[in-house]
């Protein structure tokens, strides 16, 4: 029987999961806190659960916990580069950058990449597979545990094209900003893309609405000469009441990257 990837379940999905295995829904809050707030390394650390329940979860669930293979630290500014091994043996990279406004982490979203950008080494071997939402989250959790400090800003600019792993990337953003987890504001999350226009437009349309206004979305457009031109991208996503804000952010980001 295939095990459930419990770290990739959002809060509502986790409640449904506990009901499906004959447990009370309130267990979801306990386990979600252990996974996403306390960042436990496994079910054995969840001491407010009964031993029987912990054993039941171990039998039915896969618990994502990346292995830190190597950490390189810059002598100039303390930037830390991590090499994490996934459960199937593949490796991905993440980077911690320290700023006055807080700790920023750059994560990978895929093993390899198929976009073919000539300036990027991660596309040389092509795409192997997508990362799950849990594998993206755990890059941040491993780094937080390593430095003993909170991460306040997130950049999706490591290996892979986030919009080519759209469903998992969007779920990751939603879970990262969930009040039951790390609760990082979506204003502090930047998604970098080579310009997959249909997905950019979809993401703009799916922004959460607070009151009568959609929340701001930060998209950094990387130069990709073989795929979607920046002009076309900006033109196609420029619709709706909040479009000017999105266009301005994209235009400025694209100019910064190009220069």
C-alpha atoms as a PDB file:
ATOM      1  CA  UNK A   1       0.000   0.000   0.000  1.00  0.00           C
ATOM      2  CA  UNK A   2       1.313   3.444  -0.949  1.00  0.00           C
ATOM      3  CA  UNK A   3       2.034   5.616   2.054  1.00  0.00           C
ATOM      4  CA  UNK A   4       0.583   9.113   2.493  1.00  0.00           C
ATOM      5  CA  UNK A   5       3.038  11.996   2.136  1.00  0.00           C
ATOM      6  CA  UNK A   6       1.948  13.631   5.390  1.00  0.00           C
ATOM      7  CA  UNK A   7       4.242  16.683   5.199  1.00  0.00           C
ATOM      8  CA  UNK A   8       2.625  17.664   1.889  1.00  0.00           C
ATOM      9  CA  UNK A   9      -0.907  17.645   3.334  1.00  0.00           C
ATOM     10  CA  UNK A  10      -2.341  21.072   4.094  1.00  0.00           C
ATOM     11  CA  UNK A  11      -4.324  21.633   7.283  1.00  0.00           C
ATOM     12  CA  UNK A  12      -7.732  20.692   5.856  1.00  0.00           C
ATOM     13  CA  UNK A  13      -6.323  17.641   4.070  1.00  0.00           C
ATOM     14  CA  UNK A  14      -4.703  16.501   7.303  1.00  0.00           C
ATOM     15  CA  UNK A  15      -8.049  16.687   9.137  1.00  0.00           C
ATOM     16  CA  UNK A  16      -9.659  14.593   6.404  1.00  0.00           C
ATOM     17  CA  UNK A  17      -6.779  12.116   6.613  1.00  0.00           C
ATOM     18  CA  UNK A  18      -7.242  11.545  10.352  1.00  0.00           C
ATOM     19  CA  UNK A  19     -10.952  10.982   9.872  1.00  0.00           C
ATOM     20  CA  UNK A  20     -10.173   8.457   7.120  1.00  0.00           C
ATOM     21  CA  UNK A  21      -8.004   6.381   9.488  1.00  0.00           C
ATOM     22  CA  UNK A  22     -10.608   6.461  12.256  1.00  0.00           C
ATOM     23  CA  UNK A  23      -9.085   9.234  14.391  1.00  0.00           C
ATOM     24  CA  UNK A  24     -10.561  12.477  15.703  1.00  0.00           C
ATOM     25  CA  UNK A  25     -10.071  15.615  13.549  1.00  0.00           C
ATOM     26  CA  UNK A  26      -8.422  17.503  16.441  1.00  0.00           C
ATOM     27  CA  UNK A  27      -5.370  15.262  15.982  1.00  0.00           C
ATOM     28  CA  UNK A  28      -4.663  17.241  12.805  1.00  0.00           C
ATOM     29  CA  UNK A  29      -3.860  20.396  14.787  1.00  0.00           C
ATOM     30  CA  UNK A  30      -1.478  18.504  17.064  1.00  0.00           C
ATOM     31  CA  UNK A  31       0.379  16.812  14.223  1.00  0.00           C
ATOM     32  CA  UNK A  32       0.407  19.909  12.001  1.00  0.00           C
ATOM     33  CA  UNK A  33       2.064  21.852  14.824  1.00  0.00           C
ATOM     34  CA  UNK A  34       4.671  19.133  15.285  1.00  0.00           C
ATOM     35  CA  UNK A  35       5.450  19.063  11.553  1.00  0.00           C
ATOM     36  CA  UNK A  36       5.297  22.736  10.582  1.00  0.00           C
ATOM     37  CA  UNK A  37       5.863  24.720  13.802  1.00  0.00           C
ATOM     38  CA  UNK A  38       8.099  22.509  15.935  1.00  0.00           C
ATOM     39  CA  UNK A  39       9.547  20.839  12.821  1.00  0.00           C
ATOM     40  CA  UNK A  40       9.888  17.395  14.349  1.00  0.00           C
ATOM     41  CA  UNK A  41      12.247  14.948  12.653  1.00  0.00           C
ATOM     42  CA  UNK A  42       9.769  12.086  12.953  1.00  0.00           C
ATOM     43  CA  UNK A  43       6.635  10.751  14.629  1.00  0.00           C
ATOM     44  CA  UNK A  44       8.626   9.490  17.612  1.00  0.00           C
ATOM     45  CA  UNK A  45       9.140  13.115  18.716  1.00  0.00           C
ATOM     46  CA  UNK A  46       5.388  13.801  18.904  1.00  0.00           C
ATOM     47  CA  UNK A  47       5.123  13.118  22.611  1.00  0.00           C
ATOM     48  CA  UNK A  48       1.514  14.270  23.101  1.00  0.00           C
ATOM     49  CA  UNK A  49       0.338  11.459  20.809  1.00  0.00           C
ATOM     50  CA  UNK A  50      -0.174   7.954  22.102  1.00  0.00           C
ATOM     51  CA  UNK A  51       2.378   5.316  21.222  1.00  0.00           C
ATOM     52  CA  UNK A  52      -0.272   3.410  19.264  1.00  0.00           C
ATOM     53  CA  UNK A  53      -1.101   6.468  17.154  1.00  0.00           C
ATOM     54  CA  UNK A  54       2.559   7.198  16.475  1.00  0.00           C
ATOM     55  CA  UNK A  55       3.061   3.613  15.317  1.00  0.00           C
ATOM     56  CA  UNK A  56      -0.070   3.849  13.180  1.00  0.00           C
ATOM     57  CA  UNK A  57       1.212   6.995  11.496  1.00  0.00           C
ATOM     58  CA  UNK A  58       4.622   5.436  10.884  1.00  0.00           C
ATOM     59  CA  UNK A  59       2.921   2.485   9.166  1.00  0.00           C
ATOM     60  CA  UNK A  60       0.638   4.577   6.947  1.00  0.00           C
ATOM     61  CA  UNK A  61       2.649   7.731   6.261  1.00  0.00           C
ATOM     62  CA  UNK A  62       5.877   8.794   4.621  1.00  0.00           C
ATOM     63  CA  UNK A  63       7.657  11.457   6.669  1.00  0.00           C
ATOM     64  CA  UNK A  64       9.868  13.695   4.535  1.00  0.00           C
ATOM     65  CA  UNK A  65      13.127  14.566   6.285  1.00  0.00           C
ATOM     66  CA  UNK A  66      15.946  15.744   4.026  1.00  0.00           C
ATOM     67  CA  UNK A  67      19.525  14.768   4.760  1.00  0.00           C
ATOM     68  CA  UNK A  68      22.049  17.594   4.924  1.00  0.00           C
ATOM     69  CA  UNK A  69      24.942  16.220   2.864  1.00  0.00           C
ATOM     70  CA  UNK A  70      27.109  19.337   2.788  1.00  0.00           C
ATOM     71  CA  UNK A  71      27.097  22.939   4.007  1.00  0.00           C
ATOM     72  CA  UNK A  72      29.403  25.582   2.545  1.00  0.00           C
ATOM     73  CA  UNK A  73      29.753  28.895   4.407  1.00  0.00           C
ATOM     74  CA  UNK A  74      31.003  32.120   2.834  1.00  0.00           C
ATOM     75  CA  UNK A  75      33.736  33.862   4.810  1.00  0.00           C
ATOM     76  CA  UNK A  76      32.606  37.205   3.352  1.00  0.00           C
ATOM     77  CA  UNK A  77      29.019  37.478   4.546  1.00  0.00           C
ATOM     78  CA  UNK A  78      28.034  34.184   6.179  1.00  0.00           C
ATOM     79  CA  UNK A  79      25.906  32.992   3.261  1.00  0.00           C
ATOM     80  CA  UNK A  80      25.326  29.247   3.633  1.00  0.00           C
ATOM     81  CA  UNK A  81      24.859  26.857   0.717  1.00  0.00           C
ATOM     82  CA  UNK A  82      23.241  23.505   1.494  1.00  0.00           C
ATOM     83  CA  UNK A  83      23.208  20.240  -0.431  1.00  0.00           C
ATOM     84  CA  UNK A  84      20.223  18.109   0.625  1.00  0.00           C
ATOM     85  CA  UNK A  85      19.665  14.449  -0.241  1.00  0.00           C
ATOM     86  CA  UNK A  86      16.088  13.358  -0.951  1.00  0.00           C
ATOM     87  CA  UNK A  87      14.632   9.986   0.045  1.00  0.00           C
ATOM     88  CA  UNK A  88      15.289   8.541  -3.447  1.00  0.00           C
ATOM     89  CA  UNK A  89      18.936   9.613  -3.439  1.00  0.00           C
ATOM     90  CA  UNK A  90      18.700  12.689  -5.648  1.00  0.00           C
ATOM     91  CA  UNK A  91      20.147  15.942  -4.299  1.00  0.00           C
ATOM     92  CA  UNK A  92      19.010  19.577  -4.421  1.00  0.00           C
ATOM     93  CA  UNK A  93      20.585  22.844  -3.315  1.00  0.00           C
ATOM     94  CA  UNK A  94      19.318  25.621  -1.043  1.00  0.00           C
ATOM     95  CA  UNK A  95      20.937  28.872   0.054  1.00  0.00           C
ATOM     96  CA  UNK A  96      20.613  30.923   3.243  1.00  0.00           C
ATOM     97  CA  UNK A  97      21.293  34.653   2.909  1.00  0.00           C
ATOM     98  CA  UNK A  98      21.476  36.920   5.946  1.00  0.00           C
ATOM     99  CA  UNK A  99      20.229  40.492   5.706  1.00  0.00           C
ATOM    100  CA  UNK A 100      19.419  43.267   8.165  1.00  0.00           C
ATOM    101  CA  UNK A 101      15.706  42.688   7.517  1.00  0.00           C
ATOM    102  CA  UNK A 102      15.988  38.971   8.330  1.00  0.00           C
ATOM    103  CA  UNK A 103      17.023  35.580   6.994  1.00  0.00           C
ATOM    104  CA  UNK A 104      16.183  34.747   3.383  1.00  0.00           C
ATOM    105  CA  UNK A 105      16.264  31.259   1.898  1.00  0.00           C
ATOM    106  CA  UNK A 106      16.441  30.320  -1.775  1.00  0.00           C
ATOM    107  CA  UNK A 107      14.961  26.870  -2.434  1.00  0.00           C
ATOM    108  CA  UNK A 108      14.845  24.389  -5.315  1.00  0.00           C
ATOM    109  CA  UNK A 109      11.516  23.277  -6.778  1.00  0.00           C
ATOM    110  CA  UNK A 110      12.621  20.434  -9.077  1.00  0.00           C
ATOM    111  CA  UNK A 111      15.414  17.921  -9.508  1.00  0.00           C
ATOM    112  CA  UNK A 112      16.966  19.331 -12.659  1.00  0.00           C
ATOM    113  CA  UNK A 113      15.095  21.528 -15.137  1.00  0.00           C
ATOM    114  CA  UNK A 114      13.829  21.235 -18.702  1.00  0.00           C
ATOM    115  CA  UNK A 115      13.530  24.927 -19.579  1.00  0.00           C
ATOM    116  CA  UNK A 116      16.851  25.056 -21.441  1.00  0.00           C
ATOM    117  CA  UNK A 117      17.966  28.542 -20.366  1.00  0.00           C
ATOM    118  CA  UNK A 118      21.520  28.893 -21.680  1.00  0.00           C
ATOM    119  CA  UNK A 119      22.766  30.841 -18.640  1.00  0.00           C
ATOM    120  CA  UNK A 120      21.658  28.172 -16.130  1.00  0.00           C
ATOM    121  CA  UNK A 121      23.658  25.032 -15.276  1.00  0.00           C
ATOM    122  CA  UNK A 122      20.713  23.227 -13.651  1.00  0.00           C
ATOM    123  CA  UNK A 123      19.117  22.568 -17.048  1.00  0.00           C
ATOM    124  CA  UNK A 124      22.117  20.698 -18.521  1.00  0.00           C
ATOM    125  CA  UNK A 125      20.899  17.245 -17.510  1.00  0.00           C
ATOM    126  CA  UNK A 126      17.224  18.024 -18.037  1.00  0.00           C
ATOM    127  CA  UNK A 127      14.440  17.520 -15.525  1.00  0.00           C
ATOM    128  CA  UNK A 128      14.405  14.366 -13.397  1.00  0.00           C
ATOM    129  CA  UNK A 129      11.299  15.009 -11.310  1.00  0.00           C
ATOM    130  CA  UNK A 130       9.251  17.599  -9.445  1.00  0.00           C
ATOM    131  CA  UNK A 131       9.687  18.228  -5.740  1.00  0.00           C
ATOM    132  CA  UNK A 132       6.673  17.765  -3.500  1.00  0.00           C
ATOM    133  CA  UNK A 133       5.343  20.583  -1.333  1.00  0.00           C
ATOM    134  CA  UNK A 134       6.791  18.739   1.670  1.00  0.00           C
ATOM    135  CA  UNK A 135      10.261  18.544   0.117  1.00  0.00           C
ATOM    136  CA  UNK A 136      10.191  22.288  -0.590  1.00  0.00           C
ATOM    137  CA  UNK A 137       9.052  23.057   2.953  1.00  0.00           C
ATOM    138  CA  UNK A 138      11.660  20.798   4.503  1.00  0.00           C
ATOM    139  CA  UNK A 139      14.489  22.723   2.858  1.00  0.00           C
ATOM    140  CA  UNK A 140      13.430  25.683   4.999  1.00  0.00           C
ATOM    141  CA  UNK A 141      12.849  23.557   8.097  1.00  0.00           C
ATOM    142  CA  UNK A 142      16.318  21.942   7.863  1.00  0.00           C
ATOM    143  CA  UNK A 143      17.954  25.350   7.528  1.00  0.00           C
ATOM    144  CA  UNK A 144      16.018  26.820  10.465  1.00  0.00           C
ATOM    145  CA  UNK A 145      17.068  23.914  12.662  1.00  0.00           C
ATOM    146  CA  UNK A 146      20.668  24.269  11.528  1.00  0.00           C
ATOM    147  CA  UNK A 147      20.983  27.982  12.369  1.00  0.00           C
ATOM    148  CA  UNK A 148      18.492  28.106  15.263  1.00  0.00           C
ATOM    149  CA  UNK A 149      16.828  31.185  13.783  1.00  0.00           C
ATOM    150  CA  UNK A 150      13.597  31.972  11.967  1.00  0.00           C
ATOM    151  CA  UNK A 151      13.481  32.377   8.193  1.00  0.00           C
ATOM    152  CA  UNK A 152      11.389  35.415   7.235  1.00  0.00           C
ATOM    153  CA  UNK A 153      11.820  35.640   3.457  1.00  0.00           C
ATOM    154  CA  UNK A 154      11.674  33.035   0.713  1.00  0.00           C
ATOM    155  CA  UNK A 155      12.906  33.038  -2.886  1.00  0.00           C
ATOM    156  CA  UNK A 156      11.927  30.243  -5.292  1.00  0.00           C
ATOM    157  CA  UNK A 157      15.004  30.651  -7.469  1.00  0.00           C
ATOM    158  CA  UNK A 158      17.006  27.448  -6.960  1.00  0.00           C
ATOM    159  CA  UNK A 159      17.113  24.417  -9.255  1.00  0.00           C
ATOM    160  CA  UNK A 160      13.967  24.014 -11.346  1.00  0.00           C
ATOM    161  CA  UNK A 161      11.203  26.146 -12.824  1.00  0.00           C
ATOM    162  CA  UNK A 162       8.489  26.689 -10.169  1.00  0.00           C
ATOM    163  CA  UNK A 163       5.702  27.218 -12.708  1.00  0.00           C
ATOM    164  CA  UNK A 164       6.602  23.907 -14.385  1.00  0.00           C
ATOM    165  CA  UNK A 165       5.751  22.331 -11.012  1.00  0.00           C
ATOM    166  CA  UNK A 166       2.718  24.548 -10.622  1.00  0.00           C
ATOM    167  CA  UNK A 167       0.390  22.630  -8.312  1.00  0.00           C
ATOM    168  CA  UNK A 168       3.105  21.693  -5.815  1.00  0.00           C
ATOM    169  CA  UNK A 169       4.652  25.176  -5.907  1.00  0.00           C
ATOM    170  CA  UNK A 170       1.334  26.909  -5.239  1.00  0.00           C
ATOM    171  CA  UNK A 171       0.503  24.462  -2.461  1.00  0.00           C
ATOM    172  CA  UNK A 172       3.929  25.077  -0.925  1.00  0.00           C
ATOM    173  CA  UNK A 173       3.313  28.845  -0.908  1.00  0.00           C
ATOM    174  CA  UNK A 174      -0.113  28.360   0.653  1.00  0.00           C
ATOM    175  CA  UNK A 175       1.238  26.071   3.378  1.00  0.00           C
ATOM    176  CA  UNK A 176       4.247  28.296   4.085  1.00  0.00           C
ATOM    177  CA  UNK A 177       1.945  31.264   4.680  1.00  0.00           C
ATOM    178  CA  UNK A 178      -0.659  29.274   6.625  1.00  0.00           C
ATOM    179  CA  UNK A 179      -1.317  30.577  10.142  1.00  0.00           C
ATOM    180  CA  UNK A 180      -0.988  27.030  11.463  1.00  0.00           C
ATOM    181  CA  UNK A 181       2.587  26.759  10.116  1.00  0.00           C
ATOM    182  CA  UNK A 182       5.464  29.219   9.721  1.00  0.00           C
ATOM    183  CA  UNK A 183       2.968  31.908   8.690  1.00  0.00           C
ATOM    184  CA  UNK A 184       5.414  33.739   6.384  1.00  0.00           C
ATOM    185  CA  UNK A 185       3.599  36.563   4.615  1.00  0.00           C
ATOM    186  CA  UNK A 186       3.138  36.048   0.886  1.00  0.00           C
ATOM    187  CA  UNK A 187       4.563  39.562   0.518  1.00  0.00           C
ATOM    188  CA  UNK A 188       7.881  38.008   1.589  1.00  0.00           C
ATOM    189  CA  UNK A 189       7.742  35.173  -0.968  1.00  0.00           C
ATOM    190  CA  UNK A 190       9.236  35.699  -4.434  1.00  0.00           C
ATOM    191  CA  UNK A 191       8.680  33.262  -7.294  1.00  0.00           C
ATOM    192  CA  UNK A 192      11.270  33.355 -10.088  1.00  0.00           C
ATOM    193  CA  UNK A 193      10.237  32.147 -13.540  1.00  0.00           C
ATOM    194  CA  UNK A 194      11.600  32.064 -17.084  1.00  0.00           C
ATOM    195  CA  UNK A 195       8.154  33.216 -18.191  1.00  0.00           C
ATOM    196  CA  UNK A 196       5.550  30.448 -18.561  1.00  0.00           C
ATOM    197  CA  UNK A 197       2.723  32.811 -19.484  1.00  0.00           C
ATOM    198  CA  UNK A 198      -0.347  30.574 -18.972  1.00  0.00           C
ATOM    199  CA  UNK A 199       0.813  29.669 -15.472  1.00  0.00           C
ATOM    200  CA  UNK A 200       1.700  33.288 -14.666  1.00  0.00           C
ATOM    201  CA  UNK A 201      -1.779  34.348 -15.673  1.00  0.00           C
ATOM    202  CA  UNK A 202      -3.313  31.496 -13.666  1.00  0.00           C
ATOM    203  CA  UNK A 203      -1.333  32.489 -10.582  1.00  0.00           C
ATOM    204  CA  UNK A 204      -2.392  36.124 -10.899  1.00  0.00           C
ATOM    205  CA  UNK A 205      -6.045  35.074 -11.103  1.00  0.00           C
ATOM    206  CA  UNK A 206      -5.705  32.802  -8.070  1.00  0.00           C
ATOM    207  CA  UNK A 207      -4.322  35.386  -5.654  1.00  0.00           C
ATOM    208  CA  UNK A 208      -6.217  35.500  -2.351  1.00  0.00           C
ATOM    209  CA  UNK A 209      -8.704  38.349  -1.942  1.00  0.00           C
ATOM    210  CA  UNK A 210      -8.802  40.393   1.267  1.00  0.00           C
ATOM    211  CA  UNK A 211     -11.757  42.746   1.361  1.00  0.00           C
ATOM    212  CA  UNK A 212     -12.170  43.858  -2.249  1.00  0.00           C
ATOM    213  CA  UNK A 213      -8.492  43.755  -3.205  1.00  0.00           C
ATOM    214  CA  UNK A 214      -6.356  40.905  -4.439  1.00  0.00           C
ATOM    215  CA  UNK A 215      -3.098  40.549  -2.543  1.00  0.00           C
ATOM    216  CA  UNK A 216       0.129  41.647  -4.244  1.00  0.00           C
ATOM    217  CA  UNK A 217       2.080  39.013  -6.104  1.00  0.00           C
ATOM    218  CA  UNK A 218       5.832  39.193  -6.675  1.00  0.00           C
ATOM    219  CA  UNK A 219       7.055  37.448  -9.807  1.00  0.00           C
ATOM    220  CA  UNK A 220      10.649  37.752 -11.020  1.00  0.00           C
ATOM    221  CA  UNK A 221      11.010  37.035 -14.724  1.00  0.00           C
ATOM    222  CA  UNK A 222      14.310  35.460 -15.725  1.00  0.00           C
ATOM    223  CA  UNK A 223      15.533  35.917 -19.332  1.00  0.00           C
ATOM    224  CA  UNK A 224      14.596  32.908 -21.464  1.00  0.00           C
ATOM    225  CA  UNK A 225      15.364  33.451 -25.139  1.00  0.00           C
ATOM    226  CA  UNK A 226      13.705  30.234 -26.364  1.00  0.00           C
ATOM    227  CA  UNK A 227      10.434  30.395 -24.474  1.00  0.00           C
ATOM    228  CA  UNK A 228       8.151  33.303 -23.618  1.00  0.00           C
ATOM    229  CA  UNK A 229       9.309  36.844 -24.399  1.00  0.00           C
ATOM    230  CA  UNK A 230       8.985  39.329 -21.556  1.00  0.00           C
ATOM    231  CA  UNK A 231       6.815  41.670 -23.613  1.00  0.00           C
ATOM    232  CA  UNK A 232       4.335  38.914 -24.358  1.00  0.00           C
ATOM    233  CA  UNK A 233       4.329  37.817 -20.735  1.00  0.00           C
ATOM    234  CA  UNK A 234       3.631  41.278 -19.413  1.00  0.00           C
ATOM    235  CA  UNK A 235       0.943  41.865 -22.019  1.00  0.00           C
ATOM    236  CA  UNK A 236      -0.912  38.617 -21.376  1.00  0.00           C
ATOM    237  CA  UNK A 237      -1.038  38.874 -17.591  1.00  0.00           C
ATOM    238  CA  UNK A 238      -2.072  42.533 -17.685  1.00  0.00           C
ATOM    239  CA  UNK A 239      -5.769  42.222 -16.991  1.00  0.00           C
ATOM    240  CA  UNK A 240      -8.098  42.708 -14.052  1.00  0.00           C
ATOM    241  CA  UNK A 241      -8.319  45.460 -11.416  1.00  0.00           C
ATOM    242  CA  UNK A 242      -4.934  44.696  -9.835  1.00  0.00           C
ATOM    243  CA  UNK A 243      -3.030  44.292 -13.108  1.00  0.00           C
ATOM    244  CA  UNK A 244      -1.046  47.580 -12.974  1.00  0.00           C
ATOM    245  CA  UNK A 245       0.606  46.522  -9.704  1.00  0.00           C
ATOM    246  CA  UNK A 246       1.540  43.130 -11.114  1.00  0.00           C
ATOM    247  CA  UNK A 247       2.857  44.608 -14.365  1.00  0.00           C
ATOM    248  CA  UNK A 248       4.981  47.137 -12.537  1.00  0.00           C
ATOM    249  CA  UNK A 249       6.516  44.509 -10.273  1.00  0.00           C
ATOM    250  CA  UNK A 250       7.240  42.174 -13.192  1.00  0.00           C
ATOM    251  CA  UNK A 251       8.717  44.934 -15.351  1.00  0.00           C
ATOM    252  CA  UNK A 252      11.064  46.184 -12.649  1.00  0.00           C
ATOM    253  CA  UNK A 253      12.150  42.651 -11.731  1.00  0.00           C
ATOM    254  CA  UNK A 254      12.774  41.741 -15.364  1.00  0.00           C
ATOM    255  CA  UNK A 255      14.906  44.836 -15.894  1.00  0.00           C
ATOM    256  CA  UNK A 256      16.979  44.095 -12.802  1.00  0.00           C
ATOM    257  CA  UNK A 257      17.644  40.538 -13.939  1.00  0.00           C
ATOM    258  CA  UNK A 258      18.532  41.553 -17.511  1.00  0.00           C
ATOM    259  CA  UNK A 259      21.017  44.192 -16.426  1.00  0.00           C
END
